[in-house]
Amino acid sequence: MKKIILLATVFFAVQSFAQQKHPSFMQQGNIYEVNIRQYTPEGTFNAFAKHIPRLKKMGVQTLWLMPIQPISNFGRKGTLGSYYAVADYTSVNPEFGTMNDFNKLI
């Protein structure tokens, strides 16, 4: 009996989740992930911005930027470090440009 109740609960939870509305940007177009450091030889916001018209022609509607914050030096393995080891969540990595450059990109 407990298994039947558990299965019924799971079934109704899944049905409820399936009927939820998702944000419109997720229902149309495609999402393109951008690694600023690797996208151009310069690895900057300004260099990447020049490629946006081409991406738009390809049908890209949403850009998903990999982390753009400065990378921590603490516990770093290798010379570049991990994008996900963020040193400061409120600023941009100076390798990519300035906050003003980022705002222009957006």
Protein backbone atom coordinates (compact mmCIF):
# COMPACT_ATOMS: atom_id res chain seq x y z
CA MET A 1 0.00 0.00 0.00
CA LYS A 2 2.84 2.38 0.83
CA LYS A 3 4.33 1.77 -2.61
CA ILE A 4 1.04 2.65 -4.32
CA ILE A 5 0.75 5.88 -2.37
CA LEU A 6 4.37 6.75 -3.15
CA LEU A 7 3.87 6.03 -6.87
CA ALA A 8 0.69 8.11 -6.96
CA THR A 9 2.45 11.01 -5.24
CA VAL A 10 5.35 10.86 -7.70
CA PHE A 11 2.93 10.62 -10.64
CA PHE A 12 0.99 13.72 -9.59
CA ALA A 13 4.18 15.65 -8.83
CA VAL A 14 5.54 14.87 -12.31
CA GLN A 15 2.22 15.85 -13.92
CA SER A 16 2.21 19.13 -12.02
CA PHE A 17 5.81 19.87 -13.05
CA ALA A 18 5.10 19.05 -16.72
CA GLN A 19 2.27 21.59 -16.83
CA GLN A 20 4.33 24.51 -15.49
CA LYS A 21 5.03 27.35 -17.87
CA HIS A 22 8.67 27.86 -18.77
CA PRO A 23 10.12 31.30 -19.61
CA SER A 24 9.51 32.19 -23.26
CA PHE A 25 13.24 32.41 -24.06
CA MET A 26 13.49 28.68 -23.29
CA GLN A 27 10.67 27.76 -25.67
CA GLN A 28 12.05 29.22 -28.86
CA GLY A 29 15.31 29.66 -30.70
CA ASN A 30 18.58 28.28 -29.49
CA ILE A 31 21.02 29.04 -26.72
CA TYR A 32 24.70 29.46 -27.57
CA GLU A 33 27.32 29.12 -24.82
CA VAL A 34 30.20 31.58 -25.12
CA ASN A 35 33.64 31.13 -23.65
CA ILE A 36 35.02 34.68 -23.98
CA ARG A 37 38.63 33.59 -23.35
CA GLN A 38 38.54 30.98 -26.14
CA TYR A 39 36.16 32.56 -28.69
CA THR A 40 38.64 34.96 -30.29
CA PRO A 41 42.44 35.23 -30.32
CA GLU A 42 42.12 38.42 -28.22
CA GLY A 43 39.76 36.79 -25.70
CA THR A 44 37.94 40.05 -24.90
CA PHE A 45 34.37 41.32 -24.77
CA ASN A 46 35.08 43.81 -27.56
CA ALA A 47 36.53 41.14 -29.86
CA PHE A 48 33.56 38.84 -29.22
CA ALA A 49 31.02 41.63 -29.82
CA LYS A 50 32.05 41.77 -33.48
CA HIS A 51 30.75 38.19 -33.90
CA ILE A 52 27.23 38.83 -32.59
CA PRO A 53 25.70 39.74 -36.00
CA ARG A 54 26.96 36.44 -37.46
CA LEU A 55 25.55 34.48 -34.53
CA LYS A 56 22.22 36.27 -34.94
CA LYS A 57 22.16 35.26 -38.63
CA MET A 58 22.70 31.67 -37.51
CA GLY A 59 19.51 31.92 -35.43
CA VAL A 60 21.08 32.32 -32.01
CA GLN A 61 18.63 34.14 -29.73
CA THR A 62 20.23 33.69 -26.32
CA LEU A 63 23.89 33.90 -25.34
CA TRP A 64 24.99 31.95 -22.28
CA LEU A 65 28.29 33.38 -21.04
CA MET A 66 30.67 31.18 -19.10
CA PRO A 67 31.74 32.90 -15.86
CA ILE A 68 33.31 36.29 -16.56
CA GLN A 69 34.50 37.10 -13.03
CA PRO A 70 38.17 37.15 -12.02
CA ILE A 71 39.58 33.68 -11.42
CA SER A 72 40.91 32.89 -7.96
CA ASN A 73 44.56 32.05 -7.42
CA PHE A 74 43.85 30.05 -4.25
CA GLY A 75 44.40 26.33 -4.86
CA ARG A 76 44.89 26.87 -8.59
CA LYS A 77 45.92 23.87 -10.64
CA GLY A 78 47.69 24.95 -13.82
CA THR A 79 48.33 28.44 -15.13
CA LEU A 80 44.83 29.47 -16.23
CA GLY A 81 42.69 28.23 -13.36
CA SER A 82 39.00 27.34 -13.46
CA TYR A 83 36.30 29.78 -14.52
CA TYR A 84 34.19 28.44 -11.71
CA ALA A 85 36.74 29.35 -9.00
CA VAL A 86 35.57 32.94 -8.80
CA ALA A 87 37.64 35.44 -6.81
CA ASP A 88 35.14 38.34 -6.88
CA TYR A 89 31.50 37.95 -7.87
CA THR A 90 31.00 41.70 -8.35
CA SER A 91 33.61 42.43 -11.02
CA VAL A 92 34.75 41.20 -14.41
CA ASN A 93 38.01 39.47 -15.25
CA PRO A 94 40.35 42.25 -16.49
CA GLU A 95 41.64 39.81 -19.15
CA PHE A 96 38.24 40.19 -20.85
CA GLY A 97 37.96 43.97 -20.55
CA THR A 98 36.27 46.40 -18.21
CA MET A 99 32.81 46.49 -16.67
CA ASN A 100 32.02 49.19 -19.24
CA ASP A 101 33.08 46.82 -22.06
CA PHE A 102 30.81 44.14 -20.59
CA ASN A 103 27.88 46.56 -20.36
CA LYS A 104 28.38 47.51 -24.02
CA LEU A 105 28.37 43.84 -24.96
CA ILE A 106 25.09 43.31 -23.14
